Amino acid sequence: MIYGRMTIIFFTIIIIYFLNTYQRNVVWKEGTALWSDCVLKSPNKARPHYNLGTAYQKKDMLDEAISEYKRALSITPHIAEAHINIGNVYEKKDMLDEAISEYKRALVIKPRYAKAHSNLGSAYGRKGMLDEAILKFKKAITINPNYAKAHYNLGLIYDRKGVLDEAILKFKKAIAINPDYAEAYNNLAWIYATSSNAIIRNGDEAVALAIKACELTGFRKAEVLDTLAAAYAEKGIFEKAVEYQQRAIELAPLQIKEKLKKHLQFYKSEQVYRNQQHPTI
């Protein structure tokens, strides 16, 4: 009799344990649920609010992310990463002045924070403040010479200013640091394929770099296929240029389709495309 009761108690405990484990796993299955649960249990700790903000940001719940980051900062004011993340969210919302303010706040807390300098440079670049952007990217690189993204972004600014020799050097440096940097291959290929400067243009290099960028993006990025088409046109292989441009148009979001169709008309007429503006991806 006692044995039977002990057996029932034992299996009851096991069932309760598995039910609790299942419920916990359901909560932990999704980042927002996990950290919302942590926030409920520890509302006065900064870390759960910060991590919940990160989870919201990953799901594009931008206003909720900002709210949680600000809550984390109200508890622990010196979290530079929270200011960076708020700045990133503001940039995504095209609120550049607010983003700049957040990056500057991060730098007050951590003056040698390379990511904050680089992000501030990106925001300056988007506002057309190119010289200020250059200074910030250079500062980020001084702090962290192997910061591939800062080299790449500096290359973009030099490209926009028409300083193509410097842009080429920076894209190459980004690739040397990160050999899988698709954007850097793509922008370097674009310069070699479309520059109005014959000394800079190099069809063979353009094709090789564009193919690498396409491989890294699975031949599924319209902007990269556009670059490959321009590279083949530079080499005079217009059949390939037309083929890849048509594929680019099929994959392109609506806002760039018309631009890519204009490029296609060049290649169908066996003309090359000349442009110095980078095709960022």
Foldseek 3Di string as FASTA:
>chain_A
DVVVVVVVVVVVVVVVVVVVVVVLCVQVVAQLSVLVVVCVVPVLALVSLQSNLVSCVVVVVLVSSLVSLVSSCVNPVLDLVSLQVNLVSCVVVVVLVSSLVSLVSSCVNPVLDLVSLQSNLVSCVVVVVLVSSLVSLVSSCVSPVLPLVSLQVNLQSCLVVVVNVSSLVSLVSSCVSPVLPLQSLQQNLQCLLAAPDPVSHDLVSSLVSLVSSCVSVVVQALLSLQSNLSSCLSVQNLVSSLVSLVVSLVRDDPVCNVVSVVCNVCSVVSHHHHDSNGSGD
